[in-house]
Protein backbone atom coordinates (compact mmCIF):
# COMPACT_ATOMS: atom_id res chain seq x y z
CA MET A 1 131.14 83.20 85.04
CA GLY A 2 128.24 85.69 84.84
CA ASN A 3 129.08 89.19 86.08
CA LEU A 4 132.70 88.22 86.68
CA GLU A 5 133.34 88.07 82.95
CA LYS A 6 132.53 91.78 82.75
CA GLN A 7 135.23 92.70 85.24
CA ALA A 8 138.75 93.35 84.04
CA GLU A 9 140.52 92.51 87.28
CA LEU A 10 140.15 90.57 90.49
CA GLU A 11 142.07 91.78 93.54
CA VAL A 12 142.82 89.52 96.51
CA VAL A 13 144.38 90.81 99.74
CA VAL A 14 145.81 88.36 102.26
CA LEU A 15 144.67 89.91 105.54
CA GLY A 16 146.14 87.16 107.71
CA SER A 17 148.45 84.27 106.84
CA GLY A 18 149.08 82.74 110.27
CA THR A 19 147.93 79.73 112.20
CA SER A 20 145.44 79.74 115.08
CA HIS A 21 148.07 80.95 117.59
CA GLY A 22 149.31 83.74 115.33
CA VAL A 23 153.01 84.51 114.84
CA PRO A 24 154.75 85.53 117.02
CA MET A 25 153.13 83.21 119.53
CA ILE A 26 152.68 84.15 123.17
CA GLY A 27 155.75 83.25 125.18
CA CYS A 28 157.93 82.03 122.29
CA ASP A 29 161.42 83.26 121.39
CA CYS A 30 162.13 80.99 118.40
CA ALA A 31 163.76 82.30 115.23
CA VAL A 32 160.44 82.99 113.51
CA CYS A 33 158.69 84.55 116.49
CA THR A 34 161.64 86.92 117.00
CA SER A 35 162.25 87.57 113.30
CA SER A 36 162.62 91.18 112.15
CA ASP A 37 161.16 90.32 108.74
CA PRO A 38 157.63 91.80 108.66
CA ARG A 39 156.54 88.85 106.51
CA ASP A 40 157.06 86.63 109.57
CA LYS A 41 154.41 88.60 111.53
CA ARG A 42 151.27 86.58 110.85
CA THR A 43 147.78 87.36 112.06
CA ARG A 44 145.02 84.78 111.92
CA PRO A 45 143.83 83.65 108.46
CA SER A 46 141.48 85.71 106.32
CA ILE A 47 141.39 87.23 102.84
CA PHE A 48 139.58 90.10 101.12
CA ILE A 49 138.33 89.83 97.52
CA ARG A 50 137.36 92.77 95.34
CA SER A 51 135.64 92.18 92.00
CA GLY A 52 134.46 95.40 90.43
CA ASP A 53 132.45 97.16 93.14
CA ALA A 54 131.81 93.96 95.11
CA CYS A 55 133.85 93.42 98.27
CA LEU A 56 133.92 90.00 99.95
CA LEU A 57 135.61 88.72 103.09
CA VAL A 58 136.54 85.11 103.61
CA ASP A 59 136.30 84.54 107.38
CA THR A 60 136.38 87.09 110.22
CA SER A 61 139.60 86.52 112.13
CA PRO A 62 140.27 87.74 115.70
CA GLU A 63 142.36 90.61 114.25
CA LEU A 64 139.75 91.69 111.70
CA ARG A 65 139.63 95.34 112.87
CA LEU A 66 143.40 95.71 112.66
CA GLN A 67 143.56 93.88 109.34
CA CYS A 68 140.96 96.20 107.80
CA ILE A 69 142.70 99.30 109.11
CA ALA A 70 146.08 98.12 107.83
CA ASN A 71 144.67 97.41 104.38
CA LYS A 72 142.28 100.39 104.17
CA ILE A 73 139.18 98.25 103.80
CA ASP A 74 136.00 100.29 104.23
CA ARG A 75 133.40 98.11 102.53
CA VAL A 76 132.26 94.51 103.00
CA ASP A 77 129.25 93.29 101.04
CA ALA A 78 129.35 89.72 102.32
CA VAL A 79 131.38 87.16 104.27
CA LEU A 80 132.16 83.64 103.09
CA TYR A 81 132.93 81.32 106.00
CA THR A 82 135.20 78.32 105.56
CA HIS A 83 134.25 76.80 108.93
CA HIS A 84 133.51 77.72 112.55
CA HIS A 85 136.87 77.41 114.35
CA ALA A 86 137.71 80.39 116.56
CA ASP A 87 140.59 81.71 114.46
CA HIS A 88 138.18 82.07 111.52
CA VAL A 89 135.08 83.56 113.17
CA THR A 90 135.74 85.46 116.40
CA GLY A 91 136.13 88.82 114.67
CA LEU A 92 132.46 88.69 113.65
CA ASP A 93 131.50 91.52 116.00
CA ASP A 94 133.72 93.90 114.00
CA LEU A 95 131.18 93.64 111.19
CA ARG A 96 129.20 96.22 113.21
CA ARG A 97 131.41 98.91 111.73
CA PHE A 98 130.46 97.89 108.19
CA ASN A 99 126.79 98.06 109.19
CA TRP A 100 127.37 101.73 110.02
CA LEU A 101 129.45 102.44 106.92
CA MET A 102 127.04 100.75 104.52
CA ARG A 103 123.76 101.26 106.40
CA GLN A 104 122.72 97.66 105.85
CA PRO A 105 123.19 94.15 107.26
CA VAL A 106 126.11 92.00 106.12
CA ASN A 107 125.19 88.71 104.45
CA CYS A 108 127.21 85.71 105.67
CA TYR A 109 127.44 82.36 103.87
CA GLY A 110 128.66 78.96 105.05
CA LEU A 111 127.80 75.34 105.72
CA SER A 112 124.74 74.81 107.92
CA ARG A 113 126.92 73.59 110.82
CA THR A 114 129.01 76.77 110.52
CA MET A 115 125.96 78.99 110.60
CA ALA A 116 124.58 77.08 113.59
CA ALA A 117 127.88 77.53 115.42
CA LEU A 118 127.81 81.28 114.76
CA ARG A 119 124.30 81.51 116.20
CA GLY A 120 125.52 79.77 119.34
CA MET A 121 128.80 81.66 119.73
CA PHE A 122 127.25 85.08 119.05
CA SER A 123 123.74 84.56 120.39
CA TYR A 124 123.39 88.24 121.31
CA ALA A 125 123.60 89.16 117.61
CA PHE A 126 120.45 87.15 116.85
CA ASP A 127 118.37 87.96 119.93
CA ALA A 128 115.59 90.34 118.93
CA ALA A 129 115.04 91.13 122.62
CA ALA A 130 118.66 92.06 123.28
CA ASP A 131 119.07 94.97 125.70
CA SER A 132 121.55 96.77 123.43
CA PRO A 133 120.29 96.51 119.84
CA HIS A 134 122.79 99.14 118.68
CA SER A 135 125.76 97.22 120.13
CA ARG A 136 125.40 94.08 118.10
CA PRO A 137 126.20 93.31 114.47
CA GLN A 138 123.41 93.14 111.95
CA ILE A 139 124.13 90.02 109.95
CA GLU A 140 122.03 87.66 107.88
CA LEU A 141 123.09 84.02 107.73
CA HIS A 142 122.71 81.84 104.63
CA ASP A 143 123.29 78.09 104.51
CA ILE A 144 125.17 76.88 101.43
CA ASP A 145 126.56 73.61 100.12
CA ASP A 146 128.83 72.94 97.15
CA SER A 147 126.48 74.51 94.60
CA PRO A 148 127.64 77.73 92.92
CA ILE A 149 126.16 80.88 94.43
CA GLU A 150 125.97 84.53 93.46
CA VAL A 151 127.19 86.86 96.20
CA ALA A 152 126.94 90.63 95.66
CA GLY A 153 126.86 89.95 91.93
CA VAL A 154 129.92 87.69 92.02
CA ARG A 155 129.74 84.00 91.11
CA VAL A 156 131.35 81.91 93.85
CA GLN A 157 132.03 78.18 93.71
CA PRO A 158 132.24 76.56 97.17
CA ILE A 159 134.82 73.77 97.27
CA PRO A 160 134.36 70.87 99.74
CA LEU A 161 137.53 70.10 101.71
CA MET A 162 138.38 67.97 104.73
CA HIS A 163 140.02 69.57 107.79
CA GLY A 164 140.89 66.33 109.55
CA PRO A 165 137.43 64.75 110.16
CA LEU A 166 135.62 68.10 109.72
CA PRO A 167 134.03 69.03 106.37
CA VAL A 168 134.93 72.63 105.50
CA LEU A 169 134.79 74.87 102.43
CA GLY A 170 137.25 76.53 100.14
CA PHE A 171 136.07 79.07 97.59
CA ARG A 172 136.75 79.74 93.92
CA VAL A 173 136.11 83.08 92.22
CA GLY A 174 137.03 83.17 88.57
CA ARG A 175 140.53 81.73 88.15
CA PHE A 176 141.39 82.20 91.83
CA ALA A 177 140.81 79.73 94.68
CA TYR A 178 141.33 79.83 98.45
CA CYS A 179 141.73 76.52 100.30
CA THR A 180 142.85 77.10 103.86
CA ASP A 181 142.55 74.61 106.74
CA CYS A 182 142.61 71.33 104.86
CA SER A 183 144.34 68.00 105.13
CA PHE A 184 142.58 66.30 102.22
CA ILE A 185 141.04 67.49 98.96
CA PRO A 186 138.35 65.09 97.66
CA GLU A 187 138.65 64.01 94.04
CA GLU A 188 135.49 65.81 93.00
CA SER A 189 136.91 69.02 94.48
CA MET A 190 140.13 68.59 92.51
CA SER A 191 138.08 69.00 89.34
CA MET A 192 136.78 72.33 90.70
CA LEU A 193 140.38 73.56 90.96
CA GLU A 194 141.36 73.09 87.33
CA GLY A 195 142.62 76.02 85.27
CA LEU A 196 143.59 78.36 88.11
CA ASP A 197 145.80 81.40 87.76
CA VAL A 198 146.29 81.71 91.53
CA LEU A 199 145.75 79.25 94.39
CA ILE A 200 146.13 79.97 98.11
CA LEU A 201 146.56 76.69 99.97
CA ASP A 202 147.06 75.50 103.55
CA ALA A 203 150.67 74.64 104.54
CA LEU A 204 150.99 74.67 108.31
CA ARG A 205 154.55 73.53 109.00
CA ARG A 206 157.20 70.96 108.04
CA THR A 207 156.17 68.25 110.49
CA PRO A 208 152.93 66.27 109.98
CA HIS A 209 149.68 67.46 111.50
CA PRO A 210 146.37 65.57 111.78
CA THR A 211 144.17 68.33 110.33
CA HIS A 212 146.41 70.43 108.07
CA PHE A 213 148.67 69.87 105.09
CA ASN A 214 152.30 70.09 106.07
CA LEU A 215 154.64 71.76 103.61
CA GLU A 216 155.51 68.56 101.75
CA GLN A 217 151.84 67.61 101.36
CA ALA A 218 150.92 71.13 100.27
CA ILE A 219 153.62 71.14 97.60
CA ALA A 220 152.35 67.78 96.31
CA ALA A 221 148.74 69.03 96.17
CA ALA A 222 149.78 72.30 94.54
CA THR A 223 151.83 70.42 91.95
CA ARG A 224 148.81 68.32 91.05
CA ILE A 225 146.44 71.31 90.90
CA ASP A 226 149.02 73.14 88.77
CA ALA A 227 147.88 76.73 89.23
CA LYS A 228 150.11 79.30 87.54
CA LYS A 229 151.00 80.63 91.01
CA THR A 230 150.46 79.09 94.46
CA PHE A 231 150.80 80.85 97.80
CA PHE A 232 150.81 78.88 101.06
CA THR A 233 148.93 80.17 104.10
CA HIS A 234 147.88 79.27 107.68
CA ILE A 235 151.59 79.20 108.49
CA ALA A 236 152.94 78.30 111.93
CA HIS A 237 156.22 79.38 113.47
CA GLU A 238 158.30 76.58 111.95
CA LEU A 239 158.62 78.39 108.62
CA LEU A 240 160.77 81.48 108.07
CA HIS A 241 159.38 83.40 105.12
CA GLN A 242 162.55 84.18 103.19
CA SER A 243 164.43 80.89 103.51
CA THR A 244 161.34 78.72 103.07
CA THR A 245 160.17 80.56 99.96
CA ALA A 246 163.67 80.27 98.48
CA GLU A 247 163.51 76.47 98.63
CA LEU A 248 160.04 76.08 97.11
CA PRO A 249 159.44 74.95 93.52
CA ASP A 250 159.01 77.60 90.83
CA GLY A 251 155.61 79.24 91.00
CA MET A 252 155.18 78.64 94.74
CA ALA A 253 155.78 80.97 97.70
CA LEU A 254 154.65 81.58 101.25
CA ALA A 255 151.90 84.14 101.56
CA TYR A 256 152.26 87.01 104.03
CA ASP A 257 149.99 89.55 105.69
CA GLY A 258 149.27 92.40 103.30
CA LEU A 259 150.08 90.45 100.13
CA ARG A 260 148.05 91.85 97.22
CA ILE A 261 147.31 89.70 94.23
CA ARG A 262 145.78 91.02 91.02
CA LEU A 263 144.69 88.77 88.21
CA PRO A 264 142.53 89.10 85.13
CA VAL A 265 139.06 87.66 85.24
């Protein structure tokens, strides 16, 4: 695994564990949206990975600023994008702060269609003639596929997934993998998920959904992948944290905002 083998520990922080609406949802008074358990307060999905001195984000959620403040994140070397849906990208402008902190652009990696969508959604960030050059993020976009890449000295394996009809990416770093927003894992991607210590996997709700694993499907996929520990993410307001986690098989649990995971590399 290149430079990763030299690092004693990998740290993963779940910045957001919620679905695209967030939890609580606007205008909802269900048991989860009104829960007093802080683990039922779910911002939009993103994680932070630290390997040695390298700091990577996966996705830039709408709450990125608040997530970074809550978790004391002051460095981002690069962003790995799973796909271009709004709940995964619309915090991109907050990368401006890391430009100031680090005095350099932030490298962003994703499928070519994801990078094209970012250029369209945030056109001002790529317009050399913009009227306010100091009010736009400095980012450099890099198209990737399923070939391993080195990002800030860290070896990353992109993992092809299907989010309904949309091809998206998960990512593996060492013996950790993150597979949010998926409803199908191709067979060739299953082989990329062998030998994991920790897996974070999509599990939207109990009822079926056309573009996400429901809880039953997620448990089945996690059982097949057989990581030592699996956390479920992208959680809607059907699932109470405490009672749902209590019913899951051994080695599985719901993720929550602020969850910190440390594992050897």
